[in-house]
Amino acid sequence: MSAIASTVQTFFTEYLMRQRQASPHTIAAYRDLVRMLLFFAAERTGIACHQLQFTDVDAGLVTAFLDDLEHGRGNSVRTRNARLAGIHSLFGYAATHHPEHAEDIQRVLAIPAKRAEHTIITYLTEAESEALLAAPNRNTRTGRRDHALLQLAIQTGLRASELTSLTRRDIHLGTGAHIRCRGKGRKHRITPLTHGTVTVMRTWIRERTGDEDDPLFPTNRGSSMSPDALAQRVRIHASTAARSCRSLASKNVTPHVLRHTAAMRLLHAGVDTTVIALWLGHVDVTTTQIYLEADLVLKQRALDRTTPPKATPGRYRPPDQLIAFLEAL
C-alpha cells in the first residue's frame, strides 16, 4: 500500500472519526472530495488509486484538478476554494506522518485560494413571502405539509439539512413554543416560534401520524425528505407564486433564500446582528454582516439622515474644442 493510500485511511479512521469525531455529513463531504481527486489523478497518471504516491499527486496535478472542478464541472470559485480547503486538511495531516515527502506536501499546502466575487444575497420581501406561503394547495395533504414547512422555514431560518432532519419530538407548541434542531458542527440550538407559526404547526401536527421520532415533514412514503426533494418543492411553489407575484420570476428561490429571508425580517425588526447570528447558528458573527450589506432599507434610512450635496444640475461641457475632441476619443 502506498503512502497516500495509508494516509487516506488513517485520515478518515483516526483523525476525522476518532480524534475530531466529525459528523457523518462532514465525513461524506471529505469522502466525495478525496474520491474525485484520486480518480482524477489515476486518469491523468495511469496509476491505480491505491498505488499513487505523493510525487504523483503533486501541486501541479492538484491545481489541474481544481481547474477541472471550476471549468469542467462548473463549480463556483467558492466551491473550488472549499474543495481546496479539504485538500489542505488532508495534506496537512499527511505532513505530520510522512516528513520524507515534506517538499511535495508543502507545495500542495502553498496553493492559494482564489478570490471570489462578493455577491449580494437574495431574499424575499413580505409580499413575496406571502405569495409563496399561499402557493401550496392546502386541499391536499402534501400541500398542507409544504405550507407548514415553508412557514417554519421563513420564520426560523433553519438550514435545509436542519429542516429535513426534524422529528415530532423536536417541536414544542406549549408555553414558550420553540423548535429544537441539531445544526452545523453538531451544535444544538432552540428557536422560538411566533403565534402564527404555532397555529400552522398545530394544525399540521394533528394531521401528521406516526411516532415521536418520525420525520416532522415526511414524504408520502413516511421517510425523511432529502435536501434535493426540499429544494424541488420550494421551486415548484415559487413557480406557482410567481403567477401572482411577478417579482418572484426573477429570483432563484431555494431553501437557503428562505433562511436569508428570516434573517432580513429580523434585521428590519431592529434585532442586533449578534442575536441574528445566534438565531441562525452562525459560528462567526461576522458572517451575519452580509445581511447589512444587502439591506437597502437600512441604507435608505442612513441616506435620509444625511445632508444632500449642493450640486448644480446640468450637462458637462468641455472648456475647449480641442479638449472636446480628445475626450470623445
C-alpha atoms as a PDB file:
ATOM      1  CA  MET A   1       0.000   0.000   0.000  1.00  0.00           C
ATOM      2  CA  SER A   2       1.346   3.428  -0.976  1.00  0.00           C
ATOM      3  CA  ALA A   3       1.950   6.324   1.409  1.00  0.00           C
ATOM      4  CA  ILE A   4      -1.108   8.147   0.057  1.00  0.00           C
ATOM      5  CA  ALA A   5      -3.345   5.099   0.481  1.00  0.00           C
ATOM      6  CA  SER A   6      -2.341   4.595   4.111  1.00  0.00           C
ATOM      7  CA  THR A   7      -2.641   8.331   4.805  1.00  0.00           C
ATOM      8  CA  VAL A   8      -6.159   8.493   3.377  1.00  0.00           C
ATOM      9  CA  GLN A   9      -7.299   5.561   5.503  1.00  0.00           C
ATOM     10  CA  THR A  10      -5.873   6.888   8.776  1.00  0.00           C
ATOM     11  CA  PHE A  11      -7.068  10.420   7.930  1.00  0.00           C
ATOM     12  CA  PHE A  12     -10.648   9.144   7.975  1.00  0.00           C
ATOM     13  CA  THR A  13     -10.471   6.477  10.691  1.00  0.00           C
ATOM     14  CA  GLU A  14      -8.043   8.097  13.128  1.00  0.00           C
ATOM     15  CA  TYR A  15      -8.281  11.842  12.513  1.00  0.00           C
ATOM     16  CA  LEU A  16     -11.831  12.567  11.359  1.00  0.00           C
ATOM     17  CA  MET A  17     -13.732   9.792  13.131  1.00  0.00           C
ATOM     18  CA  ARG A  18     -11.778   9.234  16.346  1.00  0.00           C
ATOM     19  CA  GLN A  19      -9.947  12.490  17.076  1.00  0.00           C
ATOM     20  CA  ARG A  20     -12.290  15.107  15.625  1.00  0.00           C
ATOM     21  CA  GLN A  21     -15.428  12.961  15.924  1.00  0.00           C
ATOM     22  CA  ALA A  22     -16.662  14.540  12.713  1.00  0.00           C
ATOM     23  CA  SER A  23     -20.324  14.250  11.785  1.00  0.00           C
ATOM     24  CA  PRO A  24     -21.466  11.843   9.049  1.00  0.00           C
ATOM     25  CA  HIS A  25     -22.106  14.859   6.778  1.00  0.00           C
ATOM     26  CA  THR A  26     -18.520  16.066   7.196  1.00  0.00           C
ATOM     27  CA  ILE A  27     -17.093  12.601   6.592  1.00  0.00           C
ATOM     28  CA  ALA A  28     -19.242  12.177   3.479  1.00  0.00           C
ATOM     29  CA  ALA A  29     -18.071  15.544   2.120  1.00  0.00           C
ATOM     30  CA  TYR A  30     -14.395  14.649   2.616  1.00  0.00           C
ATOM     31  CA  ARG A  31     -15.002  11.191   1.158  1.00  0.00           C
ATOM     32  CA  ASP A  32     -16.503  12.591  -2.044  1.00  0.00           C
ATOM     33  CA  LEU A  33     -13.661  15.100  -2.402  1.00  0.00           C
ATOM     34  CA  VAL A  34     -10.869  12.544  -1.914  1.00  0.00           C
ATOM     35  CA  ARG A  35     -12.576  10.088  -4.254  1.00  0.00           C
ATOM     36  CA  MET A  36     -12.820  12.728  -7.014  1.00  0.00           C
ATOM     37  CA  LEU A  37      -9.169  13.705  -6.511  1.00  0.00           C
ATOM     38  CA  LEU A  38      -7.938  10.099  -6.635  1.00  0.00           C
ATOM     39  CA  PHE A  39      -9.997   9.279  -9.732  1.00  0.00           C
ATOM     40  CA  PHE A  40      -8.662  12.412 -11.435  1.00  0.00           C
ATOM     41  CA  ALA A  41      -5.073  11.529 -10.505  1.00  0.00           C
ATOM     42  CA  ALA A  42      -5.473   7.918 -11.662  1.00  0.00           C
ATOM     43  CA  GLU A  43      -6.864   9.059 -15.009  1.00  0.00           C
ATOM     44  CA  ARG A  44      -4.072  11.599 -15.514  1.00  0.00           C
ATOM     45  CA  THR A  45      -1.185   9.344 -14.460  1.00  0.00           C
ATOM     46  CA  GLY A  46      -2.471   5.912 -15.448  1.00  0.00           C
ATOM     47  CA  ILE A  47      -1.647   4.635 -11.948  1.00  0.00           C
ATOM     48  CA  ALA A  48      -4.201   2.807  -9.806  1.00  0.00           C
ATOM     49  CA  CYS A  49      -5.587   4.829  -6.904  1.00  0.00           C
ATOM     50  CA  HIS A  50      -4.068   2.604  -4.199  1.00  0.00           C
ATOM     51  CA  GLN A  51      -0.606   2.867  -5.829  1.00  0.00           C
ATOM     52  CA  LEU A  52      -0.449   6.660  -6.149  1.00  0.00           C
ATOM     53  CA  GLN A  53       2.464   8.404  -4.436  1.00  0.00           C
ATOM     54  CA  PHE A  54       2.862  11.981  -3.221  1.00  0.00           C
ATOM     55  CA  THR A  55       5.160  12.571  -6.188  1.00  0.00           C
ATOM     56  CA  ASP A  56       2.187  11.705  -8.434  1.00  0.00           C
ATOM     57  CA  VAL A  57      -0.391  13.839  -6.616  1.00  0.00           C
ATOM     58  CA  ASP A  58       1.768  16.950  -6.613  1.00  0.00           C
ATOM     59  CA  ALA A  59       0.914  20.641  -6.697  1.00  0.00           C
ATOM     60  CA  GLY A  60       0.621  20.653 -10.478  1.00  0.00           C
ATOM     61  CA  LEU A  61      -1.902  17.818 -10.502  1.00  0.00           C
ATOM     62  CA  VAL A  62      -3.912  19.303  -7.633  1.00  0.00           C
ATOM     63  CA  THR A  63      -4.046  22.656  -9.456  1.00  0.00           C
ATOM     64  CA  ALA A  64      -5.231  20.880 -12.605  1.00  0.00           C
ATOM     65  CA  PHE A  65      -7.883  19.107 -10.536  1.00  0.00           C
ATOM     66  CA  LEU A  66      -9.123  22.404  -9.123  1.00  0.00           C
ATOM     67  CA  ASP A  67      -9.244  23.920 -12.613  1.00  0.00           C
ATOM     68  CA  ASP A  68     -11.242  20.907 -13.821  1.00  0.00           C
ATOM     69  CA  LEU A  69     -13.710  21.407 -10.973  1.00  0.00           C
ATOM     70  CA  GLU A  70     -14.188  25.037 -11.917  1.00  0.00           C
ATOM     71  CA  HIS A  71     -14.202  24.829 -15.703  1.00  0.00           C
ATOM     72  CA  GLY A  72     -15.077  21.189 -16.395  1.00  0.00           C
ATOM     73  CA  ARG A  73     -17.660  20.546 -13.683  1.00  0.00           C
ATOM     74  CA  GLY A  74     -18.944  24.109 -13.461  1.00  0.00           C
ATOM     75  CA  ASN A  75     -18.134  24.613  -9.769  1.00  0.00           C
ATOM     76  CA  SER A  76     -18.116  28.174  -8.488  1.00  0.00           C
ATOM     77  CA  VAL A  77     -14.960  29.797  -7.136  1.00  0.00           C
ATOM     78  CA  ARG A  78     -16.340  29.439  -3.620  1.00  0.00           C
ATOM     79  CA  THR A  79     -16.888  25.703  -4.130  1.00  0.00           C
ATOM     80  CA  ARG A  80     -13.399  25.395  -5.595  1.00  0.00           C
ATOM     81  CA  ASN A  81     -11.946  27.092  -2.528  1.00  0.00           C
ATOM     82  CA  ALA A  82     -13.933  24.800  -0.239  1.00  0.00           C
ATOM     83  CA  ARG A  83     -12.511  21.773  -2.088  1.00  0.00           C
ATOM     84  CA  LEU A  84      -9.021  23.215  -1.752  1.00  0.00           C
ATOM     85  CA  ALA A  85      -9.535  23.655   1.996  1.00  0.00           C
ATOM     86  CA  GLY A  86     -10.401  19.954   2.226  1.00  0.00           C
ATOM     87  CA  ILE A  87      -7.269  19.019   0.285  1.00  0.00           C
ATOM     88  CA  HIS A  88      -5.192  21.244   2.563  1.00  0.00           C
ATOM     89  CA  SER A  89      -6.655  19.441   5.566  1.00  0.00           C
ATOM     90  CA  LEU A  90      -5.688  16.033   4.140  1.00  0.00           C
ATOM     91  CA  PHE A  91      -2.173  17.122   3.177  1.00  0.00           C
ATOM     92  CA  GLY A  92      -1.696  18.962   6.470  1.00  0.00           C
ATOM     93  CA  TYR A  93      -2.422  15.679   8.224  1.00  0.00           C
ATOM     94  CA  ALA A  94      -0.025  13.888   5.858  1.00  0.00           C
ATOM     95  CA  ALA A  95       2.768  16.368   6.639  1.00  0.00           C
ATOM     96  CA  THR A  96       2.935  15.172  10.253  1.00  0.00           C
ATOM     97  CA  HIS A  97       3.037  11.498   9.274  1.00  0.00           C
ATOM     98  CA  HIS A  98       5.266  11.498   6.211  1.00  0.00           C
ATOM     99  CA  PRO A  99       8.106  14.004   6.683  1.00  0.00           C
ATOM    100  CA  GLU A 100      10.023  12.224   3.910  1.00  0.00           C
ATOM    101  CA  HIS A 101       7.510  13.735   1.444  1.00  0.00           C
ATOM    102  CA  ALA A 102       7.558  17.173   3.071  1.00  0.00           C
ATOM    103  CA  GLU A 103       8.663  19.013  -0.082  1.00  0.00           C
ATOM    104  CA  ASP A 104       5.823  17.705  -2.263  1.00  0.00           C
ATOM    105  CA  ILE A 105       3.273  18.156   0.520  1.00  0.00           C
ATOM    106  CA  GLN A 106       4.315  21.742   1.274  1.00  0.00           C
ATOM    107  CA  ARG A 107       3.907  22.696  -2.368  1.00  0.00           C
ATOM    108  CA  VAL A 108       0.303  21.486  -2.247  1.00  0.00           C
ATOM    109  CA  LEU A 109      -0.286  23.335   1.018  1.00  0.00           C
ATOM    110  CA  ALA A 110       1.082  26.502  -0.632  1.00  0.00           C
ATOM    111  CA  ILE A 111      -1.639  26.519  -3.335  1.00  0.00           C
ATOM    112  CA  PRO A 112      -3.622  29.700  -2.593  1.00  0.00           C
ATOM    113  CA  ALA A 113      -7.383  30.103  -2.662  1.00  0.00           C
ATOM    114  CA  LYS A 114      -8.887  32.143  -5.467  1.00  0.00           C
ATOM    115  CA  ARG A 115     -10.516  35.468  -4.797  1.00  0.00           C
ATOM    116  CA  ALA A 116     -14.254  35.179  -5.321  1.00  0.00           C
ATOM    117  CA  GLU A 117     -16.750  37.853  -6.231  1.00  0.00           C
ATOM    118  CA  HIS A 118     -18.813  39.022  -3.283  1.00  0.00           C
ATOM    119  CA  THR A 119     -22.410  38.795  -4.458  1.00  0.00           C
ATOM    120  CA  ILE A 120     -25.418  40.332  -2.749  1.00  0.00           C
ATOM    121  CA  ILE A 121     -27.686  37.771  -1.126  1.00  0.00           C
ATOM    122  CA  THR A 122     -31.203  37.090  -2.370  1.00  0.00           C
ATOM    123  CA  TYR A 123     -34.157  37.251  -0.015  1.00  0.00           C
ATOM    124  CA  LEU A 124     -37.938  37.577  -0.261  1.00  0.00           C
ATOM    125  CA  THR A 125     -39.946  40.671   0.513  1.00  0.00           C
ATOM    126  CA  GLU A 126     -43.053  40.437   2.663  1.00  0.00           C
ATOM    127  CA  ALA A 127     -45.278  40.362  -0.430  1.00  0.00           C
ATOM    128  CA  GLU A 128     -43.174  37.618  -1.995  1.00  0.00           C
ATOM    129  CA  SER A 129     -43.194  35.593   1.233  1.00  0.00           C
ATOM    130  CA  GLU A 130     -46.980  35.822   1.453  1.00  0.00           C
ATOM    131  CA  ALA A 131     -47.330  34.731  -2.177  1.00  0.00           C
ATOM    132  CA  LEU A 132     -45.036  31.761  -1.583  1.00  0.00           C
ATOM    133  CA  LEU A 133     -46.954  30.688   1.533  1.00  0.00           C
ATOM    134  CA  ALA A 134     -50.215  30.878  -0.398  1.00  0.00           C
ATOM    135  CA  ALA A 135     -48.886  28.747  -3.277  1.00  0.00           C
ATOM    136  CA  PRO A 136     -49.319  25.198  -1.829  1.00  0.00           C
ATOM    137  CA  ASN A 137     -52.723  23.620  -2.430  1.00  0.00           C
ATOM    138  CA  ARG A 138     -53.977  23.101   1.119  1.00  0.00           C
ATOM    139  CA  ASN A 139     -56.797  20.870  -0.104  1.00  0.00           C
ATOM    140  CA  THR A 140     -54.191  18.099  -0.281  1.00  0.00           C
ATOM    141  CA  ARG A 141     -52.072  16.594   2.487  1.00  0.00           C
ATOM    142  CA  THR A 142     -48.873  17.327   0.560  1.00  0.00           C
ATOM    143  CA  GLY A 143     -49.925  20.955   0.178  1.00  0.00           C
ATOM    144  CA  ARG A 144     -50.642  21.296   3.888  1.00  0.00           C
ATOM    145  CA  ARG A 145     -47.285  19.739   4.694  1.00  0.00           C
ATOM    146  CA  ASP A 146     -45.478  22.107   2.331  1.00  0.00           C
ATOM    147  CA  HIS A 147     -47.343  25.128   3.715  1.00  0.00           C
ATOM    148  CA  ALA A 148     -46.271  24.239   7.257  1.00  0.00           C
ATOM    149  CA  LEU A 149     -42.714  23.602   6.101  1.00  0.00           C
ATOM    150  CA  LEU A 150     -42.461  26.947   4.281  1.00  0.00           C
ATOM    151  CA  GLN A 151     -43.987  28.801   7.236  1.00  0.00           C
ATOM    152  CA  LEU A 152     -41.456  27.244   9.594  1.00  0.00           C
ATOM    153  CA  ALA A 153     -38.538  27.884   7.236  1.00  0.00           C
ATOM    154  CA  ILE A 154     -39.337  31.561   6.662  1.00  0.00           C
ATOM    155  CA  GLN A 155     -39.887  32.239  10.360  1.00  0.00           C
ATOM    156  CA  THR A 156     -36.985  30.262  11.854  1.00  0.00           C
ATOM    157  CA  GLY A 157     -34.326  30.401   9.122  1.00  0.00           C
ATOM    158  CA  LEU A 158     -33.346  26.762   9.613  1.00  0.00           C
ATOM    159  CA  ARG A 159     -30.914  25.256   7.119  1.00  0.00           C
ATOM    160  CA  ALA A 160     -32.192  22.710   4.586  1.00  0.00           C
ATOM    161  CA  SER A 161     -30.475  19.840   6.423  1.00  0.00           C
ATOM    162  CA  GLU A 162     -31.948  21.037   9.717  1.00  0.00           C
ATOM    163  CA  LEU A 163     -35.474  21.169   8.265  1.00  0.00           C
ATOM    164  CA  THR A 164     -35.318  17.692   6.740  1.00  0.00           C
ATOM    165  CA  SER A 165     -33.909  16.127   9.919  1.00  0.00           C
ATOM    166  CA  LEU A 166     -36.628  17.490  12.243  1.00  0.00           C
ATOM    167  CA  THR A 167     -38.800  14.996  14.114  1.00  0.00           C
ATOM    168  CA  ARG A 168     -42.065  15.378  16.019  1.00  0.00           C
ATOM    169  CA  ARG A 169     -40.048  15.304  19.237  1.00  0.00           C
ATOM    170  CA  ASP A 170     -38.152  18.453  18.181  1.00  0.00           C
ATOM    171  CA  ILE A 171     -41.170  20.764  18.243  1.00  0.00           C
ATOM    172  CA  HIS A 172     -42.792  22.138  21.394  1.00  0.00           C
ATOM    173  CA  LEU A 173     -46.057  24.038  20.952  1.00  0.00           C
ATOM    174  CA  GLY A 174     -46.979  24.727  24.572  1.00  0.00           C
ATOM    175  CA  THR A 175     -45.856  27.666  26.685  1.00  0.00           C
ATOM    176  CA  GLY A 176     -42.631  29.031  25.272  1.00  0.00           C
ATOM    177  CA  ALA A 177     -43.200  27.372  21.886  1.00  0.00           C
ATOM    178  CA  HIS A 178     -39.949  26.531  20.121  1.00  0.00           C
ATOM    179  CA  ILE A 179     -38.211  24.204  17.690  1.00  0.00           C
ATOM    180  CA  ARG A 180     -35.063  22.304  18.635  1.00  0.00           C
ATOM    181  CA  CYS A 181     -32.532  21.383  15.962  1.00  0.00           C
ATOM    182  CA  ARG A 182     -29.063  19.994  15.590  1.00  0.00           C
ATOM    183  CA  GLY A 183     -27.179  22.389  13.363  1.00  0.00           C
ATOM    184  CA  LYS A 184     -23.833  22.739  11.677  1.00  0.00           C
ATOM    185  CA  GLY A 185     -20.931  21.376  13.700  1.00  0.00           C
ATOM    186  CA  ARG A 186     -23.408  19.249  15.712  1.00  0.00           C
ATOM    187  CA  LYS A 187     -24.408  22.290  17.737  1.00  0.00           C
ATOM    188  CA  HIS A 188     -27.874  22.217  19.264  1.00  0.00           C
ATOM    189  CA  ARG A 189     -29.977  25.351  19.331  1.00  0.00           C
ATOM    190  CA  ILE A 190     -33.534  26.344  20.175  1.00  0.00           C
ATOM    191  CA  THR A 191     -35.524  28.794  18.050  1.00  0.00           C
ATOM    192  CA  PRO A 192     -38.748  30.363  19.370  1.00  0.00           C
ATOM    193  CA  LEU A 193     -41.917  30.220  17.287  1.00  0.00           C
ATOM    194  CA  THR A 194     -44.350  33.033  16.599  1.00  0.00           C
ATOM    195  CA  HIS A 195     -48.073  32.748  17.262  1.00  0.00           C
ATOM    196  CA  GLY A 196     -48.812  32.379  13.546  1.00  0.00           C
ATOM    197  CA  THR A 197     -46.279  29.587  13.111  1.00  0.00           C
ATOM    198  CA  VAL A 198     -47.602  27.812  16.213  1.00  0.00           C
ATOM    199  CA  THR A 199     -51.136  27.870  14.779  1.00  0.00           C
ATOM    200  CA  VAL A 200     -49.982  26.410  11.461  1.00  0.00           C
ATOM    201  CA  MET A 201     -47.835  23.761  13.135  1.00  0.00           C
ATOM    202  CA  ARG A 202     -50.623  22.685  15.498  1.00  0.00           C
ATOM    203  CA  THR A 203     -52.893  22.095  12.507  1.00  0.00           C
ATOM    204  CA  TRP A 204     -50.198  20.055  10.789  1.00  0.00           C
ATOM    205  CA  ILE A 205     -49.292  18.062  13.919  1.00  0.00           C
ATOM    206  CA  ARG A 206     -52.930  16.998  14.371  1.00  0.00           C
ATOM    207  CA  GLU A 207     -52.947  15.598  10.857  1.00  0.00           C
ATOM    208  CA  ARG A 208     -49.490  14.076  10.932  1.00  0.00           C
ATOM    209  CA  THR A 209     -49.396  10.456  12.075  1.00  0.00           C
ATOM    210  CA  GLY A 210     -46.515   8.407  13.428  1.00  0.00           C
ATOM    211  CA  ASP A 211     -44.204   8.200  16.415  1.00  0.00           C
ATOM    212  CA  GLU A 212     -42.308  10.987  18.150  1.00  0.00           C
ATOM    213  CA  ASP A 213     -39.086  10.059  16.334  1.00  0.00           C
ATOM    214  CA  ASP A 214     -40.662  10.042  12.869  1.00  0.00           C
ATOM    215  CA  PRO A 215     -39.882  12.931  10.479  1.00  0.00           C
ATOM    216  CA  LEU A 216     -41.848  16.121  11.112  1.00  0.00           C
ATOM    217  CA  PHE A 217     -42.248  16.629   7.359  1.00  0.00           C
ATOM    218  CA  PRO A 218     -42.299  13.105   5.905  1.00  0.00           C
ATOM    219  CA  THR A 219     -42.537  12.113   2.272  1.00  0.00           C
ATOM    220  CA  ASN A 220     -45.565  10.227   1.005  1.00  0.00           C
ATOM    221  CA  ARG A 221     -43.740   7.024   1.980  1.00  0.00           C
ATOM    222  CA  GLY A 222     -43.109   8.263   5.511  1.00  0.00           C
ATOM    223  CA  SER A 223     -39.353   8.743   5.186  1.00  0.00           C
ATOM    224  CA  SER A 224     -37.363  11.949   5.664  1.00  0.00           C
ATOM    225  CA  MET A 225     -37.222  14.383   2.772  1.00  0.00           C
ATOM    226  CA  SER A 226     -33.864  14.736   1.083  1.00  0.00           C
ATOM    227  CA  PRO A 227     -32.350  18.220   0.596  1.00  0.00           C
ATOM    228  CA  ASP A 228     -32.907  17.816  -3.147  1.00  0.00           C
ATOM    229  CA  ALA A 229     -36.573  16.983  -2.612  1.00  0.00           C
ATOM    230  CA  LEU A 230     -36.958  20.010  -0.351  1.00  0.00           C
ATOM    231  CA  ALA A 231     -35.352  22.267  -2.956  1.00  0.00           C
ATOM    232  CA  GLN A 232     -37.679  20.858  -5.603  1.00  0.00           C
ATOM    233  CA  ARG A 233     -40.780  21.558  -3.523  1.00  0.00           C
ATOM    234  CA  VAL A 234     -39.615  25.150  -2.931  1.00  0.00           C
ATOM    235  CA  ARG A 235     -39.012  25.647  -6.665  1.00  0.00           C
ATOM    236  CA  ILE A 236     -42.459  24.284  -7.545  1.00  0.00           C
ATOM    237  CA  HIS A 237     -44.245  26.606  -5.134  1.00  0.00           C
ATOM    238  CA  ALA A 238     -42.074  29.586  -6.129  1.00  0.00           C
ATOM    239  CA  SER A 239     -43.088  28.992  -9.758  1.00  0.00           C
ATOM    240  CA  THR A 240     -46.747  28.928  -8.740  1.00  0.00           C
ATOM    241  CA  ALA A 241     -46.371  32.041  -6.596  1.00  0.00           C
ATOM    242  CA  ALA A 242     -44.708  33.918  -9.466  1.00  0.00           C
ATOM    243  CA  ARG A 243     -48.057  33.974 -11.298  1.00  0.00           C
ATOM    244  CA  SER A 244     -49.480  36.319  -8.674  1.00  0.00           C
ATOM    245  CA  CYS A 245     -46.233  37.989  -7.618  1.00  0.00           C
ATOM    246  CA  ARG A 246     -44.186  38.704 -10.722  1.00  0.00           C
ATOM    247  CA  SER A 247     -41.050  39.774  -8.885  1.00  0.00           C
ATOM    248  CA  LEU A 248     -40.535  36.129  -7.871  1.00  0.00           C
ATOM    249  CA  ALA A 249     -39.973  35.177 -11.508  1.00  0.00           C
ATOM    250  CA  SER A 250     -36.593  36.934 -11.479  1.00  0.00           C
ATOM    251  CA  LYS A 251     -35.408  35.207  -8.282  1.00  0.00           C
ATOM    252  CA  ASN A 252     -33.933  31.748  -7.864  1.00  0.00           C
ATOM    253  CA  VAL A 253     -35.840  30.725  -4.741  1.00  0.00           C
ATOM    254  CA  THR A 254     -34.083  27.994  -2.768  1.00  0.00           C
ATOM    255  CA  PRO A 255     -34.318  26.801   0.864  1.00  0.00           C
ATOM    256  CA  HIS A 256     -31.296  28.986   1.624  1.00  0.00           C
ATOM    257  CA  VAL A 257     -33.113  32.032   0.275  1.00  0.00           C
ATOM    258  CA  LEU A 258     -35.807  31.340   2.883  1.00  0.00           C
ATOM    259  CA  ARG A 259     -33.050  31.342   5.508  1.00  0.00           C
ATOM    260  CA  HIS A 260     -31.856  34.717   4.239  1.00  0.00           C
ATOM    261  CA  THR A 261     -35.457  35.941   4.342  1.00  0.00           C
ATOM    262  CA  ALA A 262     -35.762  35.057   8.029  1.00  0.00           C
ATOM    263  CA  ALA A 263     -32.547  36.947   8.781  1.00  0.00           C
ATOM    264  CA  MET A 264     -33.659  40.046   6.862  1.00  0.00           C
ATOM    265  CA  ARG A 265     -37.018  40.075   8.655  1.00  0.00           C
ATOM    266  CA  LEU A 266     -35.184  40.089  11.977  1.00  0.00           C
ATOM    267  CA  LEU A 267     -32.858  42.846  10.777  1.00  0.00           C
ATOM    268  CA  HIS A 268     -35.766  45.017   9.641  1.00  0.00           C
ATOM    269  CA  ALA A 269     -37.368  44.488  13.044  1.00  0.00           C
ATOM    270  CA  GLY A 270     -34.324  46.106  14.649  1.00  0.00           C
ATOM    271  CA  VAL A 271     -32.748  42.926  16.028  1.00  0.00           C
ATOM    272  CA  ASP A 272     -28.993  43.204  16.641  1.00  0.00           C
ATOM    273  CA  THR A 273     -26.735  41.216  14.320  1.00  0.00           C
ATOM    274  CA  THR A 274     -25.208  39.295  17.232  1.00  0.00           C
ATOM    275  CA  VAL A 275     -28.666  38.000  18.135  1.00  0.00           C
ATOM    276  CA  ILE A 276     -29.326  37.135  14.485  1.00  0.00           C
ATOM    277  CA  ALA A 277     -26.056  35.175  14.426  1.00  0.00           C
ATOM    278  CA  LEU A 278     -27.219  33.152  17.442  1.00  0.00           C
ATOM    279  CA  TRP A 279     -30.651  32.713  15.853  1.00  0.00           C
ATOM    280  CA  LEU A 280     -29.170  31.303  12.635  1.00  0.00           C
ATOM    281  CA  GLY A 281     -26.451  29.281  14.327  1.00  0.00           C
ATOM    282  CA  HIS A 282     -23.537  31.185  12.765  1.00  0.00           C
ATOM    283  CA  VAL A 283     -20.155  30.218  14.174  1.00  0.00           C
ATOM    284  CA  ASP A 284     -18.709  33.665  13.419  1.00  0.00           C
ATOM    285  CA  VAL A 285     -20.795  36.790  13.969  1.00  0.00           C
ATOM    286  CA  THR A 286     -19.053  38.461  11.017  1.00  0.00           C
ATOM    287  CA  THR A 287     -20.944  36.067   8.738  1.00  0.00           C
ATOM    288  CA  THR A 288     -24.109  37.975   9.609  1.00  0.00           C
ATOM    289  CA  GLN A 289     -22.664  41.192   8.137  1.00  0.00           C
ATOM    290  CA  ILE A 290     -23.797  40.058   4.661  1.00  0.00           C
ATOM    291  CA  TYR A 291     -27.353  40.988   5.648  1.00  0.00           C
ATOM    292  CA  LEU A 292     -26.324  44.548   6.462  1.00  0.00           C
ATOM    293  CA  GLU A 293     -24.751  44.850   3.012  1.00  0.00           C
ATOM    294  CA  ALA A 294     -27.925  43.601   1.309  1.00  0.00           C
ATOM    295  CA  ASP A 295     -30.370  45.702   3.311  1.00  0.00           C
ATOM    296  CA  LEU A 296     -31.492  48.634   1.171  1.00  0.00           C
ATOM    297  CA  VAL A 297     -33.936  49.754   3.877  1.00  0.00           C
ATOM    298  CA  LEU A 298     -31.136  50.474   6.353  1.00  0.00           C
ATOM    299  CA  LYS A 299     -29.100  52.177   3.644  1.00  0.00           C
ATOM    300  CA  GLN A 300     -32.051  54.357   2.722  1.00  0.00           C
ATOM    301  CA  ARG A 301     -32.532  55.327   6.379  1.00  0.00           C
ATOM    302  CA  ALA A 302     -28.863  56.287   6.556  1.00  0.00           C
ATOM    303  CA  LEU A 303     -29.206  58.308   3.353  1.00  0.00           C
ATOM    304  CA  ASP A 304     -32.258  60.128   4.700  1.00  0.00           C
ATOM    305  CA  ARG A 305     -30.232  61.285   7.700  1.00  0.00           C
ATOM    306  CA  THR A 306     -27.523  62.875   5.581  1.00  0.00           C
ATOM    307  CA  THR A 307     -27.490  66.310   4.020  1.00  0.00           C
ATOM    308  CA  PRO A 308     -27.642  66.105   0.228  1.00  0.00           C
ATOM    309  CA  PRO A 309     -24.713  67.756  -1.566  1.00  0.00           C
ATOM    310  CA  LYS A 310     -25.420  71.125  -3.121  1.00  0.00           C
ATOM    311  CA  ALA A 311     -24.705  70.354  -6.757  1.00  0.00           C
ATOM    312  CA  THR A 312     -25.945  72.405  -9.669  1.00  0.00           C
ATOM    313  CA  PRO A 313     -27.680  70.163 -12.205  1.00  0.00           C
ATOM    314  CA  GLY A 314     -26.591  70.453 -15.795  1.00  0.00           C
ATOM    315  CA  ARG A 315     -24.655  68.808 -18.570  1.00  0.00           C
ATOM    316  CA  TYR A 316     -20.870  68.913 -18.598  1.00  0.00           C
ATOM    317  CA  ARG A 317     -19.382  70.977 -21.413  1.00  0.00           C
ATOM    318  CA  PRO A 318     -15.659  70.857 -22.168  1.00  0.00           C
ATOM    319  CA  PRO A 319     -13.914  74.252 -21.992  1.00  0.00           C
ATOM    320  CA  ASP A 320     -12.254  73.934 -25.403  1.00  0.00           C
ATOM    321  CA  GLN A 321     -12.997  72.331 -28.784  1.00  0.00           C
ATOM    322  CA  LEU A 322      -9.681  70.509 -28.856  1.00  0.00           C
ATOM    323  CA  ILE A 323     -10.312  69.106 -25.354  1.00  0.00           C
ATOM    324  CA  ALA A 324     -13.766  68.010 -26.508  1.00  0.00           C
ATOM    325  CA  PHE A 325     -12.155  66.164 -29.440  1.00  0.00           C
ATOM    326  CA  LEU A 326      -9.691  64.385 -27.141  1.00  0.00           C
ATOM    327  CA  GLU A 327     -12.354  63.376 -24.615  1.00  0.00           C
ATOM    328  CA  ALA A 328     -14.507  61.948 -27.378  1.00  0.00           C
ATOM    329  CA  LEU A 329     -11.761  59.514 -28.463  1.00  0.00           C
END
